[in-house]
Amino acid sequence: MEANDIAIKETVPASRKLQAADAAELLKSASKLVVAKGKKISEFKLSQGSTDEAVAAMLGPTGNLRAPTARVGKTILVGFNDDAYTGVLG
């Protein structure tokens, strides 16, 4: 984040488990969701609100929100893929 001169406003420790309800809450203020799982990148347009599919994509096998998760403006990034971050961060 320092390389792109981005200030982190909030950090949530891993001991605080965020689940489906928390993921759905994050999506309420977003217009786009980008989920990276390895090399696969999925994008969801959230113009009509969150969907069960979008929430499920945000969760890992334990049912907890996958890390890292970042909110950049009205875009939520879940998981890490360099191309996805570069595309959103410019």
C-alpha atoms as a PDB file:
ATOM      1  CA  MET A   1       0.000   0.000   0.000  1.00  0.00           C
ATOM      2  CA  GLU A   2       2.897   2.346   0.686  1.00  0.00           C
ATOM      3  CA  ALA A   3       4.106   1.944  -2.907  1.00  0.00           C
ATOM      4  CA  ASN A   4       0.831   3.486  -4.133  1.00  0.00           C
ATOM      5  CA  ASP A   5       0.712   6.125  -1.353  1.00  0.00           C
ATOM      6  CA  ILE A   6      -2.495   4.693   0.101  1.00  0.00           C
ATOM      7  CA  ALA A   7      -3.476   5.413   3.673  1.00  0.00           C
ATOM      8  CA  ILE A   8      -5.101   2.542   5.552  1.00  0.00           C
ATOM      9  CA  LYS A   9      -8.111   3.820   7.512  1.00  0.00           C
ATOM     10  CA  GLU A  10      -9.054   0.654   9.384  1.00  0.00           C
ATOM     11  CA  THR A  11      -7.375  -2.660  10.075  1.00  0.00           C
ATOM     12  CA  VAL A  12      -9.356  -5.611  11.421  1.00  0.00           C
ATOM     13  CA  PRO A  13      -7.333  -8.277  13.261  1.00  0.00           C
ATOM     14  CA  ALA A  14      -7.607 -11.853  12.028  1.00  0.00           C
ATOM     15  CA  SER A  15      -8.923 -12.891  15.432  1.00  0.00           C
ATOM     16  CA  ARG A  16     -12.152 -11.026  14.645  1.00  0.00           C
ATOM     17  CA  LYS A  17     -13.997 -13.406  12.346  1.00  0.00           C
ATOM     18  CA  LEU A  18     -16.184 -11.678   9.766  1.00  0.00           C
ATOM     19  CA  GLN A  19     -18.890 -13.851   8.235  1.00  0.00           C
ATOM     20  CA  ALA A  20     -21.679 -13.671   5.620  1.00  0.00           C
ATOM     21  CA  ALA A  21     -23.655 -10.951   7.423  1.00  0.00           C
ATOM     22  CA  ASP A  22     -20.516  -8.800   7.643  1.00  0.00           C
ATOM     23  CA  ALA A  23     -19.767  -9.386   3.953  1.00  0.00           C
ATOM     24  CA  ALA A  24     -23.313  -8.381   2.981  1.00  0.00           C
ATOM     25  CA  GLU A  25     -22.964  -5.230   5.096  1.00  0.00           C
ATOM     26  CA  LEU A  26     -19.736  -4.292   3.278  1.00  0.00           C
ATOM     27  CA  LEU A  27     -21.501  -4.646  -0.064  1.00  0.00           C
ATOM     28  CA  LYS A  28     -24.257  -2.181   0.870  1.00  0.00           C
ATOM     29  CA  SER A  29     -21.923   0.764   0.256  1.00  0.00           C
ATOM     30  CA  ALA A  30     -20.249  -0.705  -2.844  1.00  0.00           C
ATOM     31  CA  SER A  31     -21.051  -0.561  -6.542  1.00  0.00           C
ATOM     32  CA  LYS A  32     -18.459  -3.149  -7.647  1.00  0.00           C
ATOM     33  CA  LEU A  33     -16.927  -6.283  -6.133  1.00  0.00           C
ATOM     34  CA  VAL A  34     -13.684  -7.834  -7.404  1.00  0.00           C
ATOM     35  CA  VAL A  35     -12.846 -11.281  -6.025  1.00  0.00           C
ATOM     36  CA  ALA A  36      -9.476 -12.904  -6.706  1.00  0.00           C
ATOM     37  CA  LYS A  37      -8.993 -16.624  -6.108  1.00  0.00           C
ATOM     38  CA  GLY A  38      -5.547 -17.491  -7.399  1.00  0.00           C
ATOM     39  CA  LYS A  39      -5.372 -16.351 -11.021  1.00  0.00           C
ATOM     40  CA  LYS A  40      -9.161 -16.301 -11.415  1.00  0.00           C
ATOM     41  CA  ILE A  41     -10.773 -12.875 -11.040  1.00  0.00           C
ATOM     42  CA  SER A  42     -14.549 -12.480 -10.721  1.00  0.00           C
ATOM     43  CA  GLU A  43     -16.285  -9.123 -10.941  1.00  0.00           C
ATOM     44  CA  PHE A  44     -19.767  -8.330  -9.694  1.00  0.00           C
ATOM     45  CA  LYS A  45     -21.722  -5.155 -10.512  1.00  0.00           C
ATOM     46  CA  LEU A  46     -23.769  -4.285  -7.456  1.00  0.00           C
ATOM     47  CA  SER A  47     -26.172  -1.751  -8.969  1.00  0.00           C
ATOM     48  CA  GLN A  48     -29.135  -3.734  -7.629  1.00  0.00           C
ATOM     49  CA  GLY A  49     -27.571  -4.541  -4.261  1.00  0.00           C
ATOM     50  CA  SER A  50     -25.670  -7.581  -3.089  1.00  0.00           C
ATOM     51  CA  THR A  51     -26.503 -11.073  -4.241  1.00  0.00           C
ATOM     52  CA  ASP A  52     -26.061 -14.405  -2.519  1.00  0.00           C
ATOM     53  CA  GLU A  53     -23.504 -15.282  -5.204  1.00  0.00           C
ATOM     54  CA  ALA A  54     -21.442 -12.151  -4.470  1.00  0.00           C
ATOM     55  CA  VAL A  55     -21.493 -12.798  -0.710  1.00  0.00           C
ATOM     56  CA  ALA A  56     -20.536 -16.458  -1.231  1.00  0.00           C
ATOM     57  CA  ALA A  57     -17.593 -15.411  -3.428  1.00  0.00           C
ATOM     58  CA  MET A  58     -16.266 -13.271  -0.574  1.00  0.00           C
ATOM     59  CA  LEU A  59     -16.184 -16.173   1.895  1.00  0.00           C
ATOM     60  CA  GLY A  60     -13.519 -18.818   2.313  1.00  0.00           C
ATOM     61  CA  PRO A  61     -14.074 -22.527   3.034  1.00  0.00           C
ATOM     62  CA  THR A  62     -14.543 -21.818   6.764  1.00  0.00           C
ATOM     63  CA  GLY A  63     -17.362 -19.361   6.071  1.00  0.00           C
ATOM     64  CA  ASN A  64     -15.272 -16.358   7.079  1.00  0.00           C
ATOM     65  CA  LEU A  65     -14.481 -13.319   4.951  1.00  0.00           C
ATOM     66  CA  ARG A  66     -11.376 -14.002   2.866  1.00  0.00           C
ATOM     67  CA  ALA A  67      -8.273 -11.888   3.336  1.00  0.00           C
ATOM     68  CA  PRO A  68      -7.120  -9.460   2.307  1.00  0.00           C
ATOM     69  CA  THR A  69     -10.274  -7.423   1.856  1.00  0.00           C
ATOM     70  CA  ALA A  70     -10.006  -3.770   0.893  1.00  0.00           C
ATOM     71  CA  ARG A  71     -12.510  -1.033   0.137  1.00  0.00           C
ATOM     72  CA  VAL A  72     -11.298   1.477  -2.445  1.00  0.00           C
ATOM     73  CA  GLY A  73     -13.952   4.097  -3.014  1.00  0.00           C
ATOM     74  CA  LYS A  74     -17.071   2.140  -4.014  1.00  0.00           C
ATOM     75  CA  THR A  75     -15.093  -0.970  -5.011  1.00  0.00           C
ATOM     76  CA  ILE A  76     -14.490  -3.930  -2.698  1.00  0.00           C
ATOM     77  CA  LEU A  77     -11.432  -6.113  -3.389  1.00  0.00           C
ATOM     78  CA  VAL A  78     -11.334  -9.606  -1.853  1.00  0.00           C
ATOM     79  CA  GLY A  79      -8.304 -11.883  -2.083  1.00  0.00           C
ATOM     80  CA  PHE A  80      -5.056 -10.839  -3.692  1.00  0.00           C
ATOM     81  CA  ASN A  81      -4.160 -10.677  -7.353  1.00  0.00           C
ATOM     82  CA  ASP A  82      -1.594  -8.129  -8.491  1.00  0.00           C
ATOM     83  CA  ASP A  83      -3.463  -7.408 -11.744  1.00  0.00           C
ATOM     84  CA  ALA A  84      -6.746  -6.824  -9.872  1.00  0.00           C
ATOM     85  CA  TYR A  85      -5.125  -4.414  -7.418  1.00  0.00           C
ATOM     86  CA  THR A  86      -3.290  -2.597 -10.199  1.00  0.00           C
ATOM     87  CA  GLY A  87      -6.526  -2.250 -12.169  1.00  0.00           C
ATOM     88  CA  VAL A  88      -8.382  -0.703  -9.241  1.00  0.00           C
ATOM     89  CA  LEU A  89      -5.557   1.358  -7.764  1.00  0.00           C
ATOM     90  CA  GLY A  90      -4.412   2.602 -11.145  1.00  0.00           C
END
